[in-house]
Amino acid sequence: MYMVIELKKFGTTLTSREEGREALAAFKPSLSDITDSESVEVVFTGVNTFSPSWGDEFFAPLIKQFGTRLILVDTKNLSVEATLNMLEKIHNIKFTRRNEAE
């Protein structure tokens, strides 16, 4: 069982730190219902631009809370890949990723 977060609901250009905080705040109430056996899938389909500032605000708390149960889907966009790689280096983490076809 898992929860799906489609980032395109927040727009196709995800760039500011403030918007990243707001996006996380919008999902926080539903995240508290997730059990230890459930995962969270974040889908990047439709996202054109994804900055480290937005990503840091949204993903740093999620990776701390869910670890390997946080799964990133459809991350092939160059902006998304570059930002995720940067966040992995900054936070010394490794995101779990999968293609949408899997």
N, C-alpha and C. Protein backbone atom coordinates (compact mmCIF):
# COMPACT_ATOMS: atom_id res chain seq x y z
N MET A 1 0.84 -1.17 0.00
CA MET A 1 0.00 0.00 0.00
C MET A 1 0.89 1.25 0.00
N TYR A 2 0.43 2.30 -0.65
CA TYR A 2 1.24 3.51 -0.72
C TYR A 2 0.37 4.73 -1.03
N MET A 3 0.93 5.88 -0.73
CA MET A 3 0.31 7.16 -1.04
C MET A 3 1.03 7.74 -2.25
N VAL A 4 0.29 8.39 -3.14
CA VAL A 4 0.88 9.00 -4.33
C VAL A 4 0.74 10.52 -4.23
N ILE A 5 1.85 11.20 -4.46
CA ILE A 5 1.87 12.66 -4.53
C ILE A 5 2.29 13.04 -5.95
N GLU A 6 1.41 13.67 -6.67
CA GLU A 6 1.74 14.13 -8.03
C GLU A 6 2.18 15.59 -7.96
N LEU A 7 3.46 15.82 -8.21
CA LEU A 7 4.01 17.16 -8.07
C LEU A 7 3.43 18.17 -9.03
N LYS A 8 2.90 17.71 -10.18
CA LYS A 8 2.34 18.65 -11.16
C LYS A 8 1.15 19.41 -10.59
N LYS A 9 0.57 18.92 -9.50
CA LYS A 9 -0.51 19.65 -8.83
C LYS A 9 -0.03 21.00 -8.31
N PHE A 10 1.28 21.11 -8.09
CA PHE A 10 1.86 22.36 -7.60
C PHE A 10 2.38 23.23 -8.74
N GLY A 11 2.26 22.74 -9.97
CA GLY A 11 2.71 23.49 -11.14
C GLY A 11 3.78 22.73 -11.89
N THR A 12 4.15 23.26 -13.04
CA THR A 12 5.18 22.62 -13.85
C THR A 12 6.57 23.22 -13.58
N THR A 13 6.59 24.37 -12.92
CA THR A 13 7.84 25.03 -12.58
C THR A 13 7.91 25.16 -11.06
N LEU A 14 8.74 24.31 -10.45
CA LEU A 14 8.86 24.26 -9.00
C LEU A 14 10.22 24.83 -8.62
N THR A 15 10.22 26.10 -8.19
CA THR A 15 11.52 26.75 -8.03
C THR A 15 11.78 27.39 -6.66
N SER A 16 10.79 27.94 -6.01
CA SER A 16 11.13 28.72 -4.81
C SER A 16 11.07 27.89 -3.53
N ARG A 17 11.89 28.26 -2.59
CA ARG A 17 11.94 27.61 -1.30
C ARG A 17 10.58 27.73 -0.59
N GLU A 18 9.98 28.91 -0.67
CA GLU A 18 8.69 29.14 -0.03
C GLU A 18 7.61 28.21 -0.60
N GLU A 19 7.59 28.06 -1.92
CA GLU A 19 6.60 27.18 -2.54
C GLU A 19 6.82 25.72 -2.15
N GLY A 20 8.06 25.32 -1.98
CA GLY A 20 8.37 23.96 -1.52
C GLY A 20 7.85 23.72 -0.11
N ARG A 21 8.03 24.70 0.76
CA ARG A 21 7.50 24.60 2.14
C ARG A 21 5.98 24.52 2.12
N GLU A 22 5.35 25.34 1.28
CA GLU A 22 3.88 25.34 1.19
C GLU A 22 3.36 24.00 0.66
N ALA A 23 4.05 23.42 -0.31
CA ALA A 23 3.64 22.14 -0.86
C ALA A 23 3.72 21.05 0.21
N LEU A 24 4.79 21.04 0.96
CA LEU A 24 4.92 20.05 2.03
C LEU A 24 3.84 20.25 3.09
N ALA A 25 3.58 21.49 3.45
CA ALA A 25 2.55 21.79 4.44
C ALA A 25 1.18 21.30 3.98
N ALA A 26 0.92 21.36 2.69
CA ALA A 26 -0.36 20.91 2.15
C ALA A 26 -0.54 19.40 2.32
N PHE A 27 0.55 18.65 2.30
CA PHE A 27 0.47 17.20 2.42
C PHE A 27 0.69 16.67 3.83
N LYS A 28 1.23 17.48 4.72
CA LYS A 28 1.55 16.99 6.06
C LYS A 28 0.39 16.30 6.77
N PRO A 29 -0.82 16.82 6.74
CA PRO A 29 -1.91 16.12 7.45
C PRO A 29 -2.12 14.69 6.96
N SER A 30 -2.06 14.46 5.66
CA SER A 30 -2.28 13.11 5.15
C SER A 30 -1.07 12.20 5.36
N LEU A 31 0.11 12.77 5.52
CA LEU A 31 1.31 11.96 5.75
C LEU A 31 1.30 11.32 7.12
N SER A 32 0.62 11.93 8.07
CA SER A 32 0.59 11.37 9.43
C SER A 32 -0.21 10.07 9.50
N ASP A 33 -1.03 9.79 8.48
CA ASP A 33 -1.83 8.57 8.46
C ASP A 33 -1.08 7.37 7.87
N ILE A 34 0.11 7.59 7.38
CA ILE A 34 0.86 6.52 6.73
C ILE A 34 1.52 5.63 7.78
N THR A 35 1.29 4.33 7.65
CA THR A 35 1.85 3.37 8.60
C THR A 35 3.30 3.04 8.23
N ASP A 36 3.96 2.33 9.13
CA ASP A 36 5.36 1.94 8.90
C ASP A 36 5.53 0.95 7.76
N SER A 37 4.46 0.34 7.32
CA SER A 37 4.56 -0.63 6.22
C SER A 37 4.18 -0.01 4.87
N GLU A 38 3.79 1.25 4.87
CA GLU A 38 3.38 1.92 3.63
C GLU A 38 4.51 2.81 3.10
N SER A 39 4.47 3.05 1.80
CA SER A 39 5.45 3.94 1.18
C SER A 39 4.75 5.16 0.60
N VAL A 40 5.57 6.13 0.22
CA VAL A 40 5.07 7.36 -0.40
C VAL A 40 5.74 7.46 -1.76
N GLU A 41 4.93 7.55 -2.82
CA GLU A 41 5.46 7.71 -4.17
C GLU A 41 5.23 9.14 -4.62
N VAL A 42 6.30 9.79 -5.04
CA VAL A 42 6.23 11.14 -5.56
C VAL A 42 6.46 11.07 -7.06
N VAL A 43 5.47 11.51 -7.83
CA VAL A 43 5.50 11.40 -9.28
C VAL A 43 5.88 12.75 -9.90
N PHE A 44 6.90 12.73 -10.75
CA PHE A 44 7.40 13.94 -11.39
C PHE A 44 6.82 14.18 -12.78
N THR A 45 5.95 13.32 -13.27
CA THR A 45 5.37 13.48 -14.59
C THR A 45 4.75 14.86 -14.72
N GLY A 46 5.11 15.58 -15.78
CA GLY A 46 4.56 16.91 -16.02
C GLY A 46 5.36 18.05 -15.43
N VAL A 47 6.38 17.75 -14.63
CA VAL A 47 7.22 18.80 -14.05
C VAL A 47 8.32 19.15 -15.05
N ASN A 48 8.40 20.43 -15.42
CA ASN A 48 9.41 20.88 -16.39
C ASN A 48 10.67 21.41 -15.72
N THR A 49 10.49 22.20 -14.67
CA THR A 49 11.62 22.81 -13.98
C THR A 49 11.51 22.52 -12.50
N PHE A 50 12.63 22.07 -11.92
CA PHE A 50 12.65 21.64 -10.52
C PHE A 50 13.95 22.11 -9.91
N SER A 51 13.87 23.06 -8.97
CA SER A 51 15.08 23.65 -8.41
C SER A 51 15.49 22.99 -7.09
N PRO A 52 16.78 23.11 -6.75
CA PRO A 52 17.25 22.59 -5.47
C PRO A 52 16.55 23.24 -4.28
N SER A 53 16.21 24.51 -4.37
CA SER A 53 15.55 25.18 -3.24
C SER A 53 14.19 24.55 -2.95
N TRP A 54 13.37 24.39 -3.98
CA TRP A 54 12.05 23.77 -3.81
C TRP A 54 12.23 22.33 -3.32
N GLY A 55 13.10 21.61 -3.97
CA GLY A 55 13.32 20.21 -3.63
C GLY A 55 13.82 20.01 -2.22
N ASP A 56 14.70 20.89 -1.76
CA ASP A 56 15.24 20.78 -0.40
C ASP A 56 14.13 20.94 0.63
N GLU A 57 13.29 21.92 0.43
CA GLU A 57 12.19 22.17 1.38
C GLU A 57 11.19 21.03 1.41
N PHE A 58 10.93 20.44 0.26
CA PHE A 58 9.93 19.39 0.16
C PHE A 58 10.48 18.02 0.55
N PHE A 59 11.67 17.68 0.05
CA PHE A 59 12.17 16.32 0.20
C PHE A 59 13.03 16.06 1.43
N ALA A 60 13.74 17.04 1.94
CA ALA A 60 14.58 16.79 3.12
C ALA A 60 13.74 16.24 4.29
N PRO A 61 12.60 16.85 4.63
CA PRO A 61 11.78 16.28 5.71
C PRO A 61 11.20 14.91 5.35
N LEU A 62 10.83 14.72 4.09
CA LEU A 62 10.23 13.44 3.69
C LEU A 62 11.24 12.29 3.77
N ILE A 63 12.47 12.53 3.34
CA ILE A 63 13.46 11.46 3.38
C ILE A 63 13.80 11.12 4.83
N LYS A 64 13.78 12.11 5.71
CA LYS A 64 14.03 11.83 7.13
C LYS A 64 12.89 10.99 7.72
N GLN A 65 11.68 11.27 7.31
CA GLN A 65 10.52 10.57 7.85
C GLN A 65 10.34 9.18 7.25
N PHE A 66 10.55 9.03 5.94
CA PHE A 66 10.21 7.78 5.27
C PHE A 66 11.41 6.98 4.77
N GLY A 67 12.57 7.57 4.68
CA GLY A 67 13.76 6.84 4.23
C GLY A 67 13.54 6.16 2.90
N THR A 68 13.83 4.87 2.83
CA THR A 68 13.70 4.12 1.57
C THR A 68 12.25 3.89 1.17
N ARG A 69 11.32 4.22 2.04
CA ARG A 69 9.90 4.09 1.68
C ARG A 69 9.42 5.29 0.85
N LEU A 70 10.30 6.28 0.65
CA LEU A 70 10.02 7.40 -0.24
C LEU A 70 10.52 7.01 -1.62
N ILE A 71 9.63 6.90 -2.58
CA ILE A 71 9.97 6.44 -3.93
C ILE A 71 9.66 7.54 -4.93
N LEU A 72 10.64 7.91 -5.72
CA LEU A 72 10.48 8.97 -6.71
C LEU A 72 10.25 8.34 -8.08
N VAL A 73 9.19 8.75 -8.75
CA VAL A 73 8.75 8.13 -9.99
C VAL A 73 8.87 9.13 -11.15
N ASP A 74 9.35 8.64 -12.30
CA ASP A 74 9.47 9.43 -13.53
C ASP A 74 10.39 10.64 -13.33
N THR A 75 11.65 10.36 -13.04
CA THR A 75 12.62 11.41 -12.75
C THR A 75 13.56 11.67 -13.92
N LYS A 76 13.18 11.32 -15.13
CA LYS A 76 14.08 11.40 -16.28
C LYS A 76 14.30 12.81 -16.83
N ASN A 77 13.47 13.78 -16.45
CA ASN A 77 13.66 15.16 -16.88
C ASN A 77 15.03 15.64 -16.40
N LEU A 78 15.79 16.31 -17.25
CA LEU A 78 17.14 16.73 -16.90
C LEU A 78 17.19 17.65 -15.69
N SER A 79 16.22 18.55 -15.58
CA SER A 79 16.16 19.46 -14.43
C SER A 79 15.91 18.67 -13.14
N VAL A 80 15.02 17.71 -13.22
CA VAL A 80 14.70 16.87 -12.06
C VAL A 80 15.92 16.04 -11.67
N GLU A 81 16.55 15.39 -12.63
CA GLU A 81 17.73 14.55 -12.36
C GLU A 81 18.85 15.37 -11.72
N ALA A 82 19.14 16.53 -12.28
CA ALA A 82 20.23 17.36 -11.76
C ALA A 82 19.95 17.79 -10.32
N THR A 83 18.72 18.19 -10.06
CA THR A 83 18.37 18.63 -8.71
C THR A 83 18.43 17.48 -7.72
N LEU A 84 17.88 16.32 -8.09
CA LEU A 84 17.92 15.17 -7.18
C LEU A 84 19.35 14.74 -6.90
N ASN A 85 20.19 14.75 -7.92
CA ASN A 85 21.60 14.39 -7.72
C ASN A 85 22.27 15.37 -6.76
N MET A 86 21.96 16.64 -6.89
CA MET A 86 22.53 17.65 -6.01
C MET A 86 22.06 17.45 -4.57
N LEU A 87 20.76 17.19 -4.40
CA LEU A 87 20.22 16.98 -3.05
C LEU A 87 20.82 15.73 -2.40
N GLU A 88 21.07 14.70 -3.20
CA GLU A 88 21.70 13.49 -2.66
C GLU A 88 23.10 13.81 -2.14
N LYS A 89 23.85 14.62 -2.86
CA LYS A 89 25.19 14.99 -2.42
C LYS A 89 25.15 15.87 -1.18
N ILE A 90 24.28 16.87 -1.18
CA ILE A 90 24.19 17.81 -0.06
C ILE A 90 23.81 17.09 1.23
N HIS A 91 22.84 16.19 1.16
CA HIS A 91 22.31 15.53 2.36
C HIS A 91 22.91 14.14 2.59
N ASN A 92 23.83 13.72 1.72
CA ASN A 92 24.46 12.41 1.82
C ASN A 92 23.41 11.30 1.94
N ILE A 93 22.49 11.31 0.97
CA ILE A 93 21.39 10.35 0.91
C ILE A 93 21.33 9.75 -0.48
N LYS A 94 20.51 8.74 -0.63
CA LYS A 94 20.26 8.15 -1.95
C LYS A 94 18.76 7.94 -2.07
N PHE A 95 18.14 8.65 -3.00
CA PHE A 95 16.70 8.49 -3.24
C PHE A 95 16.43 7.17 -3.95
N THR A 96 15.31 6.55 -3.62
CA THR A 96 14.83 5.39 -4.35
C THR A 96 14.05 5.90 -5.55
N ARG A 97 14.45 5.49 -6.74
CA ARG A 97 13.80 5.98 -7.96
C ARG A 97 13.30 4.80 -8.79
N ARG A 98 12.24 5.05 -9.55
CA ARG A 98 11.77 4.05 -10.51
C ARG A 98 11.10 4.75 -11.68
N ASN A 99 11.14 4.09 -12.82
CA ASN A 99 10.46 4.60 -14.00
C ASN A 99 8.99 4.31 -13.89
N GLU A 100 8.16 5.13 -14.52
CA GLU A 100 6.72 4.94 -14.45
C GLU A 100 6.29 3.60 -15.04
N ALA A 101 7.04 3.06 -15.97
CA ALA A 101 6.68 1.80 -16.63
C ALA A 101 6.85 0.59 -15.72
N GLU A 102 7.57 0.74 -14.63
CA GLU A 102 7.85 -0.40 -13.74
C GLU A 102 6.65 -0.78 -12.90
